[in-house]
């Protein structure tokens, strides 16, 4: 009985430890705290100026930071990269687009705008993205834009400054709306000039932080550690419980299982007695098996009396003109 009580207590302890572990695990994923959240941001705009066939340049393209002859420019290929990593685990809705703006301004009147035209070259959305890691390539048809501005100046006979401003725009918001940012990387390409110098935004390379909600604070980590600790204790409790149950089953052995089986299977034939005294005046016949005793019972139509002599000995008795006894001893079965 003590062993059974110990097993029941261990089952209760295991259940409590498991519930406590699940409680702490749930808290580790739901508790939010306001703390400093770090992030690292980087972005770059790199271009190559591809040339038409000519008698002077053997290269297919020229790199950045040079002065270029506009009449031999075929196209300008631009590579954009933008990446930002926050310490918090969030999902984002991201929109990134590339917009080309032709601007013609009066060079003699404080650069007042004469003509503008906007063209959207790219517009894409990303929903529920875990990463903000963008990479895009754009091929700018320089001749198309240069021709448009040359014709404009010729048709109207004006002296004007012409530029193509290409903006790479990244807008993103976290699903929880805690983070909302917009970044623009611009590039200015002169038009309608014999020689041009291309200007671009400086590369982005920033490490900073902001105050926001996070589920990755010290408290969340502590809750997770406590969850693992209590689950480990629950596992230890289960191991001990398994050990005790296996031990008990071993100790119950063949004798206990055999007695239990007989009492269950033949409960309609068996009457239990706390103490049965054999009649000394009657002849006592000991049967070698319960089956033999059962045959006697069927022949005589007498009940079988179960007498638990001790924890290690049991007797099954039929009282008639003669006494029939089947004895079961632990020492005879558990060897």
C-alpha atoms as a PDB file:
ATOM      1  CA  UNK A   1       0.000   0.000   0.000  1.00  0.00           C
ATOM      2  CA  UNK A   2       2.892   2.310   0.796  1.00  0.00           C
ATOM      3  CA  UNK A   3       4.335   1.615  -2.613  1.00  0.00           C
ATOM      4  CA  UNK A   4       1.036   2.425  -4.318  1.00  0.00           C
ATOM      5  CA  UNK A   5       0.783   5.634  -2.311  1.00  0.00           C
ATOM      6  CA  UNK A   6       4.310   6.596  -3.381  1.00  0.00           C
ATOM      7  CA  UNK A   7       3.405   6.030  -7.020  1.00  0.00           C
ATOM      8  CA  UNK A   8       0.257   8.163  -6.701  1.00  0.00           C
ATOM      9  CA  UNK A   9       2.283  10.961  -5.088  1.00  0.00           C
ATOM     10  CA  UNK A  10       4.871  10.762  -7.884  1.00  0.00           C
ATOM     11  CA  UNK A  11       2.129  10.954 -10.532  1.00  0.00           C
ATOM     12  CA  UNK A  12       0.755  14.075  -8.824  1.00  0.00           C
ATOM     13  CA  UNK A  13       4.240  15.626  -8.578  1.00  0.00           C
ATOM     14  CA  UNK A  14       4.901  14.884 -12.266  1.00  0.00           C
ATOM     15  CA  UNK A  15       1.601  16.512 -13.272  1.00  0.00           C
ATOM     16  CA  UNK A  16       2.304  19.623 -11.164  1.00  0.00           C
ATOM     17  CA  UNK A  17       5.868  19.960 -12.491  1.00  0.00           C
ATOM     18  CA  UNK A  18       4.647  19.598 -16.084  1.00  0.00           C
ATOM     19  CA  UNK A  19       1.944  22.241 -15.594  1.00  0.00           C
ATOM     20  CA  UNK A  20       4.429  24.637 -13.992  1.00  0.00           C
ATOM     21  CA  UNK A  21       6.857  24.023 -16.882  1.00  0.00           C
ATOM     22  CA  UNK A  22       4.137  24.762 -19.445  1.00  0.00           C
ATOM     23  CA  UNK A  23       3.170  27.895 -17.511  1.00  0.00           C
ATOM     24  CA  UNK A  24       6.716  29.264 -17.623  1.00  0.00           C
ATOM     25  CA  UNK A  25       7.111  28.272 -21.285  1.00  0.00           C
ATOM     26  CA  UNK A  26       3.912  30.119 -22.185  1.00  0.00           C
ATOM     27  CA  UNK A  27       5.089  33.178 -20.246  1.00  0.00           C
ATOM     28  CA  UNK A  28       8.468  33.109 -22.020  1.00  0.00           C
ATOM     29  CA  UNK A  29       6.597  33.499 -25.339  1.00  0.00           C
ATOM     30  CA  UNK A  30       3.962  36.011 -24.262  1.00  0.00           C
ATOM     31  CA  UNK A  31       5.557  38.442 -21.790  1.00  0.00           C
ATOM     32  CA  UNK A  32       6.635  41.666 -23.457  1.00  0.00           C
ATOM     33  CA  UNK A  33       8.916  44.255 -21.926  1.00  0.00           C
ATOM     34  CA  UNK A  34      10.080  47.683 -23.040  1.00  0.00           C
ATOM     35  CA  UNK A  35      13.806  47.636 -23.562  1.00  0.00           C
ATOM     36  CA  UNK A  36      16.551  48.836 -25.885  1.00  0.00           C
ATOM     37  CA  UNK A  37      16.478  46.919 -29.164  1.00  0.00           C
ATOM     38  CA  UNK A  38      19.574  47.011 -31.350  1.00  0.00           C
ATOM     39  CA  UNK A  39      19.594  46.913 -35.124  1.00  0.00           C
ATOM     40  CA  UNK A  40      22.155  46.997 -37.907  1.00  0.00           C
ATOM     41  CA  UNK A  41      21.395  48.631 -41.237  1.00  0.00           C
ATOM     42  CA  UNK A  42      23.338  48.583 -44.479  1.00  0.00           C
ATOM     43  CA  UNK A  43      22.617  49.712 -48.011  1.00  0.00           C
ATOM     44  CA  UNK A  44      24.565  50.395 -51.175  1.00  0.00           C
ATOM     45  CA  UNK A  45      24.129  51.623 -54.738  1.00  0.00           C
ATOM     46  CA  UNK A  46      26.703  50.425 -57.262  1.00  0.00           C
ATOM     47  CA  UNK A  47      26.682  51.099 -60.981  1.00  0.00           C
ATOM     48  CA  UNK A  48      28.523  50.332 -64.192  1.00  0.00           C
ATOM     49  CA  UNK A  49      28.398  52.479 -67.323  1.00  0.00           C
ATOM     50  CA  UNK A  50      28.205  50.254 -70.408  1.00  0.00           C
ATOM     51  CA  UNK A  51      29.502  51.771 -73.635  1.00  0.00           C
ATOM     52  CA  UNK A  52      28.543  51.616 -77.294  1.00  0.00           C
ATOM     53  CA  UNK A  53      31.210  50.396 -79.693  1.00  0.00           C
ATOM     54  CA  UNK A  54      33.802  53.130 -80.183  1.00  0.00           C
ATOM     55  CA  UNK A  55      37.394  53.660 -81.311  1.00  0.00           C
ATOM     56  CA  UNK A  56      38.832  54.668 -77.950  1.00  0.00           C
ATOM     57  CA  UNK A  57      37.606  52.434 -75.134  1.00  0.00           C
ATOM     58  CA  UNK A  58      38.354  48.716 -75.304  1.00  0.00           C
ATOM     59  CA  UNK A  59      36.340  48.054 -72.149  1.00  0.00           C
ATOM     60  CA  UNK A  60      32.691  47.059 -72.317  1.00  0.00           C
ATOM     61  CA  UNK A  61      31.924  49.208 -69.293  1.00  0.00           C
ATOM     62  CA  UNK A  62      33.461  51.832 -67.035  1.00  0.00           C
ATOM     63  CA  UNK A  63      33.388  51.771 -63.253  1.00  0.00           C
ATOM     64  CA  UNK A  64      32.209  54.353 -60.763  1.00  0.00           C
ATOM     65  CA  UNK A  65      33.623  57.796 -60.039  1.00  0.00           C
ATOM     66  CA  UNK A  66      34.616  58.750 -63.584  1.00  0.00           C
ATOM     67  CA  UNK A  67      33.554  61.378 -66.084  1.00  0.00           C
ATOM     68  CA  UNK A  68      31.656  59.844 -68.987  1.00  0.00           C
ATOM     69  CA  UNK A  69      31.109  60.897 -72.603  1.00  0.00           C
ATOM     70  CA  UNK A  70      27.358  60.864 -72.961  1.00  0.00           C
ATOM     71  CA  UNK A  71      27.289  60.113 -76.692  1.00  0.00           C
ATOM     72  CA  UNK A  72      28.878  56.661 -76.275  1.00  0.00           C
ATOM     73  CA  UNK A  73      26.820  55.534 -73.222  1.00  0.00           C
ATOM     74  CA  UNK A  74      24.673  52.491 -74.019  1.00  0.00           C
ATOM     75  CA  UNK A  75      23.129  51.872 -70.608  1.00  0.00           C
ATOM     76  CA  UNK A  76      23.812  52.266 -66.918  1.00  0.00           C
ATOM     77  CA  UNK A  77      23.376  49.108 -64.868  1.00  0.00           C
ATOM     78  CA  UNK A  78      22.681  49.752 -61.181  1.00  0.00           C
ATOM     79  CA  UNK A  79      22.779  47.187 -58.347  1.00  0.00           C
ATOM     80  CA  UNK A  80      20.909  48.017 -55.169  1.00  0.00           C
ATOM     81  CA  UNK A  81      21.332  46.238 -51.851  1.00  0.00           C
ATOM     82  CA  UNK A  82      19.493  46.987 -48.627  1.00  0.00           C
ATOM     83  CA  UNK A  83      19.550  45.015 -45.406  1.00  0.00           C
ATOM     84  CA  UNK A  84      18.434  45.660 -41.839  1.00  0.00           C
ATOM     85  CA  UNK A  85      18.537  43.244 -38.918  1.00  0.00           C
ATOM     86  CA  UNK A  86      16.644  43.836 -35.680  1.00  0.00           C
ATOM     87  CA  UNK A  87      17.347  41.842 -32.525  1.00  0.00           C
ATOM     88  CA  UNK A  88      13.645  41.102 -32.162  1.00  0.00           C
ATOM     89  CA  UNK A  89      11.926  38.351 -34.110  1.00  0.00           C
ATOM     90  CA  UNK A  90       9.219  40.084 -36.153  1.00  0.00           C
ATOM     91  CA  UNK A  91       7.434  39.818 -39.467  1.00  0.00           C
ATOM     92  CA  UNK A  92       7.239  42.720 -41.913  1.00  0.00           C
ATOM     93  CA  UNK A  93       5.205  44.005 -44.820  1.00  0.00           C
ATOM     94  CA  UNK A  94       7.726  45.447 -47.284  1.00  0.00           C
ATOM     95  CA  UNK A  95       7.291  47.591 -50.375  1.00  0.00           C
ATOM     96  CA  UNK A  96      10.231  48.521 -52.512  1.00  0.00           C
ATOM     97  CA  UNK A  97      10.087  50.467 -55.738  1.00  0.00           C
ATOM     98  CA  UNK A  98      12.319  52.308 -58.190  1.00  0.00           C
ATOM     99  CA  UNK A  99      11.117  55.636 -59.529  1.00  0.00           C
ATOM    100  CA  UNK A 100      12.799  57.594 -62.340  1.00  0.00           C
ATOM    101  CA  UNK A 101      12.209  61.385 -62.402  1.00  0.00           C
ATOM    102  CA  UNK A 102      13.176  63.525 -65.386  1.00  0.00           C
ATOM    103  CA  UNK A 103      13.757  67.098 -64.208  1.00  0.00           C
ATOM    104  CA  UNK A 104      14.345  70.021 -66.541  1.00  0.00           C
ATOM    105  CA  UNK A 105      15.127  73.273 -64.715  1.00  0.00           C
ATOM    106  CA  UNK A 106      15.941  76.830 -65.832  1.00  0.00           C
ATOM    107  CA  UNK A 107      19.673  77.279 -65.384  1.00  0.00           C
ATOM    108  CA  UNK A 108      19.314  81.057 -65.610  1.00  0.00           C
ATOM    109  CA  UNK A 109      16.486  81.454 -63.078  1.00  0.00           C
ATOM    110  CA  UNK A 110      17.504  79.767 -59.811  1.00  0.00           C
ATOM    111  CA  UNK A 111      16.838  76.290 -61.220  1.00  0.00           C
ATOM    112  CA  UNK A 112      13.083  76.754 -61.385  1.00  0.00           C
ATOM    113  CA  UNK A 113      11.360  73.620 -62.650  1.00  0.00           C
ATOM    114  CA  UNK A 114      10.305  73.766 -66.317  1.00  0.00           C
ATOM    115  CA  UNK A 115       9.308  70.148 -66.874  1.00  0.00           C
ATOM    116  CA  UNK A 116       9.101  66.923 -64.861  1.00  0.00           C
ATOM    117  CA  UNK A 117       8.106  63.426 -65.748  1.00  0.00           C
ATOM    118  CA  UNK A 118       7.947  60.449 -63.413  1.00  0.00           C
ATOM    119  CA  UNK A 119       8.207  56.809 -64.388  1.00  0.00           C
ATOM    120  CA  UNK A 120       7.844  53.822 -62.048  1.00  0.00           C
ATOM    121  CA  UNK A 121      10.371  51.188 -63.040  1.00  0.00           C
ATOM    122  CA  UNK A 122       9.723  48.674 -60.276  1.00  0.00           C
ATOM    123  CA  UNK A 123       7.100  48.149 -57.562  1.00  0.00           C
ATOM    124  CA  UNK A 124       6.968  44.953 -55.490  1.00  0.00           C
ATOM    125  CA  UNK A 125       5.407  43.961 -52.172  1.00  0.00           C
ATOM    126  CA  UNK A 126       6.501  41.302 -49.690  1.00  0.00           C
ATOM    127  CA  UNK A 127       3.935  40.158 -47.117  1.00  0.00           C
ATOM    128  CA  UNK A 128       4.778  38.604 -43.737  1.00  0.00           C
ATOM    129  CA  UNK A 129       8.497  38.548 -44.449  1.00  0.00           C
ATOM    130  CA  UNK A 130      10.868  37.583 -41.618  1.00  0.00           C
ATOM    131  CA  UNK A 131      13.864  39.208 -43.309  1.00  0.00           C
ATOM    132  CA  UNK A 132      14.538  42.604 -44.804  1.00  0.00           C
ATOM    133  CA  UNK A 133      17.301  41.659 -47.189  1.00  0.00           C
ATOM    134  CA  UNK A 134      16.762  43.195 -50.615  1.00  0.00           C
ATOM    135  CA  UNK A 135      18.810  42.997 -53.781  1.00  0.00           C
ATOM    136  CA  UNK A 136      17.763  44.474 -57.150  1.00  0.00           C
ATOM    137  CA  UNK A 137      19.339  45.235 -60.503  1.00  0.00           C
ATOM    138  CA  UNK A 138      18.191  48.001 -62.834  1.00  0.00           C
ATOM    139  CA  UNK A 139      19.276  48.669 -66.406  1.00  0.00           C
ATOM    140  CA  UNK A 140      18.775  52.338 -67.288  1.00  0.00           C
ATOM    141  CA  UNK A 141      18.353  53.120 -70.993  1.00  0.00           C
ATOM    142  CA  UNK A 142      20.404  56.307 -70.932  1.00  0.00           C
ATOM    143  CA  UNK A 143      19.869  57.056 -74.636  1.00  0.00           C
ATOM    144  CA  UNK A 144      16.067  57.128 -74.237  1.00  0.00           C
ATOM    145  CA  UNK A 145      16.115  59.776 -71.511  1.00  0.00           C
ATOM    146  CA  UNK A 146      18.923  61.762 -73.148  1.00  0.00           C
ATOM    147  CA  UNK A 147      17.019  61.897 -76.446  1.00  0.00           C
ATOM    148  CA  UNK A 148      13.856  63.146 -74.732  1.00  0.00           C
ATOM    149  CA  UNK A 149      15.609  66.076 -73.026  1.00  0.00           C
ATOM    150  CA  UNK A 150      17.645  67.005 -76.144  1.00  0.00           C
ATOM    151  CA  UNK A 151      14.439  67.166 -78.200  1.00  0.00           C
ATOM    152  CA  UNK A 152      12.728  69.247 -75.494  1.00  0.00           C
ATOM    153  CA  UNK A 153      15.536  71.821 -75.460  1.00  0.00           C
ATOM    154  CA  UNK A 154      15.731  71.944 -79.273  1.00  0.00           C
ATOM    155  CA  UNK A 155      11.984  72.278 -79.792  1.00  0.00           C
ATOM    156  CA  UNK A 156      11.678  75.163 -77.333  1.00  0.00           C
ATOM    157  CA  UNK A 157      15.100  76.703 -77.845  1.00  0.00           C
ATOM    158  CA  UNK A 158      15.841  76.985 -74.169  1.00  0.00           C
ATOM    159  CA  UNK A 159      18.952  76.773 -72.043  1.00  0.00           C
ATOM    160  CA  UNK A 160      18.172  74.317 -69.231  1.00  0.00           C
ATOM    161  CA  UNK A 161      19.698  71.804 -66.866  1.00  0.00           C
ATOM    162  CA  UNK A 162      18.433  68.265 -67.321  1.00  0.00           C
ATOM    163  CA  UNK A 163      18.794  65.399 -64.896  1.00  0.00           C
ATOM    164  CA  UNK A 164      17.481  61.912 -64.405  1.00  0.00           C
ATOM    165  CA  UNK A 165      16.944  61.259 -60.673  1.00  0.00           C
ATOM    166  CA  UNK A 166      16.482  57.570 -59.876  1.00  0.00           C
ATOM    167  CA  UNK A 167      15.186  56.788 -56.374  1.00  0.00           C
ATOM    168  CA  UNK A 168      15.316  53.334 -54.817  1.00  0.00           C
ATOM    169  CA  UNK A 169      12.620  53.483 -52.118  1.00  0.00           C
ATOM    170  CA  UNK A 170      12.132  50.914 -49.363  1.00  0.00           C
ATOM    171  CA  UNK A 171       9.091  51.159 -47.068  1.00  0.00           C
ATOM    172  CA  UNK A 172       8.473  48.551 -44.392  1.00  0.00           C
ATOM    173  CA  UNK A 173       6.290  48.062 -41.322  1.00  0.00           C
ATOM    174  CA  UNK A 174       6.325  45.314 -38.751  1.00  0.00           C
ATOM    175  CA  UNK A 175       3.050  43.377 -38.441  1.00  0.00           C
ATOM    176  CA  UNK A 176       2.640  44.668 -34.873  1.00  0.00           C
ATOM    177  CA  UNK A 177       3.131  48.238 -36.249  1.00  0.00           C
ATOM    178  CA  UNK A 178       5.902  48.918 -33.753  1.00  0.00           C
ATOM    179  CA  UNK A 179       8.515  49.470 -36.474  1.00  0.00           C
ATOM    180  CA  UNK A 180       7.866  51.693 -39.474  1.00  0.00           C
ATOM    181  CA  UNK A 181      10.663  52.974 -41.697  1.00  0.00           C
ATOM    182  CA  UNK A 182      11.243  54.478 -45.124  1.00  0.00           C
ATOM    183  CA  UNK A 183      14.635  54.625 -46.838  1.00  0.00           C
ATOM    184  CA  UNK A 184      15.595  56.308 -50.119  1.00  0.00           C
ATOM    185  CA  UNK A 185      18.808  55.736 -52.035  1.00  0.00           C
ATOM    186  CA  UNK A 186      19.052  58.330 -54.807  1.00  0.00           C
ATOM    187  CA  UNK A 187      21.120  58.601 -57.950  1.00  0.00           C
ATOM    188  CA  UNK A 188      21.412  61.699 -60.165  1.00  0.00           C
ATOM    189  CA  UNK A 189      22.425  61.239 -63.811  1.00  0.00           C
ATOM    190  CA  UNK A 190      22.916  64.423 -65.898  1.00  0.00           C
ATOM    191  CA  UNK A 191      21.236  64.516 -69.327  1.00  0.00           C
ATOM    192  CA  UNK A 192      21.718  66.570 -72.460  1.00  0.00           C
ATOM    193  CA  UNK A 193      25.410  67.226 -71.790  1.00  0.00           C
ATOM    194  CA  UNK A 194      28.551  66.177 -73.611  1.00  0.00           C
ATOM    195  CA  UNK A 195      30.290  65.013 -70.412  1.00  0.00           C
ATOM    196  CA  UNK A 196      28.547  63.778 -67.295  1.00  0.00           C
ATOM    197  CA  UNK A 197      29.408  62.910 -63.687  1.00  0.00           C
ATOM    198  CA  UNK A 198      27.015  60.586 -61.865  1.00  0.00           C
ATOM    199  CA  UNK A 199      26.211  61.305 -58.219  1.00  0.00           C
ATOM    200  CA  UNK A 200      24.722  58.815 -55.799  1.00  0.00           C
ATOM    201  CA  UNK A 201      23.719  58.628 -52.134  1.00  0.00           C
ATOM    202  CA  UNK A 202      26.313  57.573 -49.621  1.00  0.00           C
ATOM    203  CA  UNK A 203      26.265  53.938 -48.621  1.00  0.00           C
ATOM    204  CA  UNK A 204      24.320  53.141 -45.456  1.00  0.00           C
ATOM    205  CA  UNK A 205      26.230  51.479 -42.640  1.00  0.00           C
ATOM    206  CA  UNK A 206      24.605  52.122 -39.282  1.00  0.00           C
ATOM    207  CA  UNK A 207      24.310  50.352 -35.957  1.00  0.00           C
ATOM    208  CA  UNK A 208      21.794  51.844 -33.557  1.00  0.00           C
ATOM    209  CA  UNK A 209      18.921  51.040 -31.216  1.00  0.00           C
ATOM    210  CA  UNK A 210      15.431  52.107 -30.217  1.00  0.00           C
ATOM    211  CA  UNK A 211      13.132  51.557 -27.241  1.00  0.00           C
ATOM    212  CA  UNK A 212      10.467  49.017 -28.044  1.00  0.00           C
ATOM    213  CA  UNK A 213       8.586  45.917 -26.982  1.00  0.00           C
ATOM    214  CA  UNK A 214      10.492  42.659 -27.017  1.00  0.00           C
ATOM    215  CA  UNK A 215       9.922  39.019 -26.091  1.00  0.00           C
ATOM    216  CA  UNK A 216      13.648  38.360 -25.929  1.00  0.00           C
ATOM    217  CA  UNK A 217      14.501  40.171 -22.718  1.00  0.00           C
ATOM    218  CA  UNK A 218      16.221  38.725 -19.648  1.00  0.00           C
ATOM    219  CA  UNK A 219      12.782  37.944 -18.152  1.00  0.00           C
ATOM    220  CA  UNK A 220      11.771  35.894 -21.213  1.00  0.00           C
ATOM    221  CA  UNK A 221      15.029  33.980 -21.089  1.00  0.00           C
ATOM    222  CA  UNK A 222      14.618  33.389 -17.347  1.00  0.00           C
ATOM    223  CA  UNK A 223      11.081  32.059 -17.905  1.00  0.00           C
ATOM    224  CA  UNK A 224      12.374  29.698 -20.589  1.00  0.00           C
ATOM    225  CA  UNK A 225      15.191  28.445 -18.311  1.00  0.00           C
ATOM    226  CA  UNK A 226      12.656  27.819 -15.524  1.00  0.00           C
ATOM    227  CA  UNK A 227      10.445  25.966 -18.004  1.00  0.00           C
ATOM    228  CA  UNK A 228      13.334  23.676 -18.969  1.00  0.00           C
ATOM    229  CA  UNK A 229      14.267  23.191 -15.301  1.00  0.00           C
ATOM    230  CA  UNK A 230      10.755  22.136 -14.227  1.00  0.00           C
ATOM    231  CA  UNK A 231      10.360  19.905 -17.282  1.00  0.00           C
ATOM    232  CA  UNK A 232      13.668  18.230 -16.375  1.00  0.00           C
ATOM    233  CA  UNK A 233      12.408  17.652 -12.829  1.00  0.00           C
ATOM    234  CA  UNK A 234       9.181  16.208 -14.271  1.00  0.00           C
ATOM    235  CA  UNK A 235      11.270  13.855 -16.401  1.00  0.00           C
ATOM    236  CA  UNK A 236      13.257  12.753 -13.353  1.00  0.00           C
ATOM    237  CA  UNK A 237       9.972  12.135 -11.538  1.00  0.00           C
ATOM    238  CA  UNK A 238       8.744  10.001 -14.457  1.00  0.00           C
ATOM    239  CA  UNK A 239      11.969   7.970 -14.415  1.00  0.00           C
ATOM    240  CA  UNK A 240      11.599   7.323 -10.676  1.00  0.00           C
ATOM    241  CA  UNK A 241       7.932   6.408 -11.171  1.00  0.00           C
ATOM    242  CA  UNK A 242       8.794   3.929 -13.932  1.00  0.00           C
ATOM    243  CA  UNK A 243      11.490   2.431 -11.726  1.00  0.00           C
ATOM    244  CA  UNK A 244       9.069   1.979  -8.786  1.00  0.00           C
ATOM    245  CA  UNK A 245       6.333   0.490 -10.961  1.00  0.00           C
ATOM    246  CA  UNK A 246       8.737  -1.950 -12.573  1.00  0.00           C
ATOM    247  CA  UNK A 247      10.117  -2.847  -9.156  1.00  0.00           C
ATOM    248  CA  UNK A 248       6.624  -3.418  -7.814  1.00  0.00           C
ATOM    249  CA  UNK A 249       5.673  -5.595 -10.749  1.00  0.00           C
ATOM    250  CA  UNK A 250       8.802  -7.641 -10.231  1.00  0.00           C
ATOM    251  CA  UNK A 251       8.049  -8.033  -6.539  1.00  0.00           C
ATOM    252  CA  UNK A 252       4.435  -8.966  -7.222  1.00  0.00           C
ATOM    253  CA  UNK A 253       5.899 -11.699  -9.351  1.00  0.00           C
ATOM    254  CA  UNK A 254       4.213 -14.868 -10.521  1.00  0.00           C
ATOM    255  CA  UNK A 255       2.622 -15.639  -7.160  1.00  0.00           C
ATOM    256  CA  UNK A 256       0.715 -12.326  -6.834  1.00  0.00           C
ATOM    257  CA  UNK A 257      -0.332 -12.329 -10.473  1.00  0.00           C
ATOM    258  CA  UNK A 258      -1.448 -15.958 -10.273  1.00  0.00           C
ATOM    259  CA  UNK A 259      -3.618 -15.405  -7.192  1.00  0.00           C
ATOM    260  CA  UNK A 260      -5.144 -12.266  -8.679  1.00  0.00           C
ATOM    261  CA  UNK A 261      -5.894 -14.094 -11.914  1.00  0.00           C
ATOM    262  CA  UNK A 262      -7.667 -16.981 -10.117  1.00  0.00           C
ATOM    263  CA  UNK A 263      -9.785 -14.642  -8.007  1.00  0.00           C
ATOM    264  CA  UNK A 264     -10.833 -12.674 -11.098  1.00  0.00           C
ATOM    265  CA  UNK A 265     -11.541 -15.542 -13.461  1.00  0.00           C
ATOM    266  CA  UNK A 266     -13.425 -17.731 -10.955  1.00  0.00           C
ATOM    267  CA  UNK A 267     -14.996 -15.131  -8.684  1.00  0.00           C
ATOM    268  CA  UNK A 268     -18.440 -16.765  -9.125  1.00  0.00           C
ATOM    269  CA  UNK A 269     -17.100 -20.032  -7.693  1.00  0.00           C
ATOM    270  CA  UNK A 270     -14.869 -18.612  -4.967  1.00  0.00           C
ATOM    271  CA  UNK A 271     -15.815 -17.346  -1.530  1.00  0.00           C
ATOM    272  CA  UNK A 272     -13.171 -15.437   0.370  1.00  0.00           C
ATOM    273  CA  UNK A 273     -12.548 -16.178   4.033  1.00  0.00           C
ATOM    274  CA  UNK A 274     -10.293 -14.373   6.446  1.00  0.00           C
ATOM    275  CA  UNK A 275      -9.459 -17.555   8.346  1.00  0.00           C
ATOM    276  CA  UNK A 276     -10.594 -21.105   7.635  1.00  0.00           C
ATOM    277  CA  UNK A 277      -9.823 -23.946   9.999  1.00  0.00           C
ATOM    278  CA  UNK A 278      -9.604 -27.433   8.549  1.00  0.00           C
ATOM    279  CA  UNK A 279     -11.705 -30.154  10.232  1.00  0.00           C
ATOM    280  CA  UNK A 280      -9.196 -32.524  11.817  1.00  0.00           C
ATOM    281  CA  UNK A 281     -11.731 -35.333  11.757  1.00  0.00           C
ATOM    282  CA  UNK A 282     -12.039 -35.242   7.983  1.00  0.00           C
ATOM    283  CA  UNK A 283      -9.611 -36.632   5.492  1.00  0.00           C
ATOM    284  CA  UNK A 284      -7.610 -33.793   3.827  1.00  0.00           C
ATOM    285  CA  UNK A 285      -6.787 -34.309   0.157  1.00  0.00           C
ATOM    286  CA  UNK A 286      -4.247 -31.940  -1.381  1.00  0.00           C
ATOM    287  CA  UNK A 287      -4.653 -31.323  -5.102  1.00  0.00           C
ATOM    288  CA  UNK A 288      -1.661 -30.500  -7.260  1.00  0.00           C
ATOM    289  CA  UNK A 289      -3.419 -27.883  -9.382  1.00  0.00           C
ATOM    290  CA  UNK A 290      -6.341 -25.512  -9.288  1.00  0.00           C
ATOM    291  CA  UNK A 291      -7.804 -27.330 -12.298  1.00  0.00           C
ATOM    292  CA  UNK A 292      -8.113 -30.491 -10.229  1.00  0.00           C
ATOM    293  CA  UNK A 293      -9.835 -28.517  -7.458  1.00  0.00           C
ATOM    294  CA  UNK A 294     -12.162 -27.014 -10.047  1.00  0.00           C
ATOM    295  CA  UNK A 295     -13.104 -30.522 -11.259  1.00  0.00           C
ATOM    296  CA  UNK A 296     -13.953 -31.452  -7.662  1.00  0.00           C
ATOM    297  CA  UNK A 297     -16.101 -28.379  -7.354  1.00  0.00           C
ATOM    298  CA  UNK A 298     -17.972 -29.247 -10.549  1.00  0.00           C
ATOM    299  CA  UNK A 299     -18.551 -32.821  -9.369  1.00  0.00           C
ATOM    300  CA  UNK A 300     -19.608 -31.965  -5.806  1.00  0.00           C
ATOM    301  CA  UNK A 301     -21.239 -28.602  -6.549  1.00  0.00           C
ATOM    302  CA  UNK A 302     -19.568 -27.036  -3.520  1.00  0.00           C
ATOM    303  CA  UNK A 303     -18.075 -23.539  -3.282  1.00  0.00           C
ATOM    304  CA  UNK A 304     -14.346 -22.967  -3.272  1.00  0.00           C
ATOM    305  CA  UNK A 305     -13.158 -21.091  -0.187  1.00  0.00           C
ATOM    306  CA  UNK A 306     -10.186 -18.792  -0.616  1.00  0.00           C
ATOM    307  CA  UNK A 307      -8.076 -18.495   2.530  1.00  0.00           C
ATOM    308  CA  UNK A 308      -5.167 -16.061   2.588  1.00  0.00           C
ATOM    309  CA  UNK A 309      -2.955 -17.681   5.184  1.00  0.00           C
ATOM    310  CA  UNK A 310      -0.229 -15.045   4.893  1.00  0.00           C
ATOM    311  CA  UNK A 311       1.354 -12.738   2.331  1.00  0.00           C
ATOM    312  CA  UNK A 312       3.338 -15.719   1.082  1.00  0.00           C
ATOM    313  CA  UNK A 313       0.744 -18.506   1.273  1.00  0.00           C
ATOM    314  CA  UNK A 314      -2.823 -19.008   0.032  1.00  0.00           C
ATOM    315  CA  UNK A 315      -5.220 -21.933   0.175  1.00  0.00           C
ATOM    316  CA  UNK A 316      -8.245 -22.851  -1.924  1.00  0.00           C
ATOM    317  CA  UNK A 317     -10.525 -25.229  -0.006  1.00  0.00           C
ATOM    318  CA  UNK A 318     -13.638 -27.301  -0.712  1.00  0.00           C
ATOM    319  CA  UNK A 319     -15.437 -28.616   2.359  1.00  0.00           C
ATOM    320  CA  UNK A 320     -17.266 -31.926   1.842  1.00  0.00           C
ATOM    321  CA  UNK A 321     -17.151 -35.386   3.376  1.00  0.00           C
ATOM    322  CA  UNK A 322     -13.486 -34.971   2.626  1.00  0.00           C
ATOM    323  CA  UNK A 323     -11.576 -31.716   2.570  1.00  0.00           C
ATOM    324  CA  UNK A 324      -9.918 -30.789  -0.684  1.00  0.00           C
ATOM    325  CA  UNK A 325      -7.078 -28.251  -0.528  1.00  0.00           C
ATOM    326  CA  UNK A 326      -4.961 -26.563  -3.159  1.00  0.00           C
ATOM    327  CA  UNK A 327      -2.055 -24.612  -1.640  1.00  0.00           C
ATOM    328  CA  UNK A 328      -0.033 -21.898  -3.344  1.00  0.00           C
ATOM    329  CA  UNK A 329       3.275 -20.753  -1.825  1.00  0.00           C
ATOM    330  CA  UNK A 330       5.301 -17.768  -2.971  1.00  0.00           C
ATOM    331  CA  UNK A 331       8.597 -19.589  -2.534  1.00  0.00           C
ATOM    332  CA  UNK A 332       7.451 -22.358  -4.876  1.00  0.00           C
ATOM    333  CA  UNK A 333       6.458 -19.956  -7.674  1.00  0.00           C
ATOM    334  CA  UNK A 334       8.987 -17.106  -7.448  1.00  0.00           C
ATOM    335  CA  UNK A 335      12.120 -19.093  -8.147  1.00  0.00           C
END
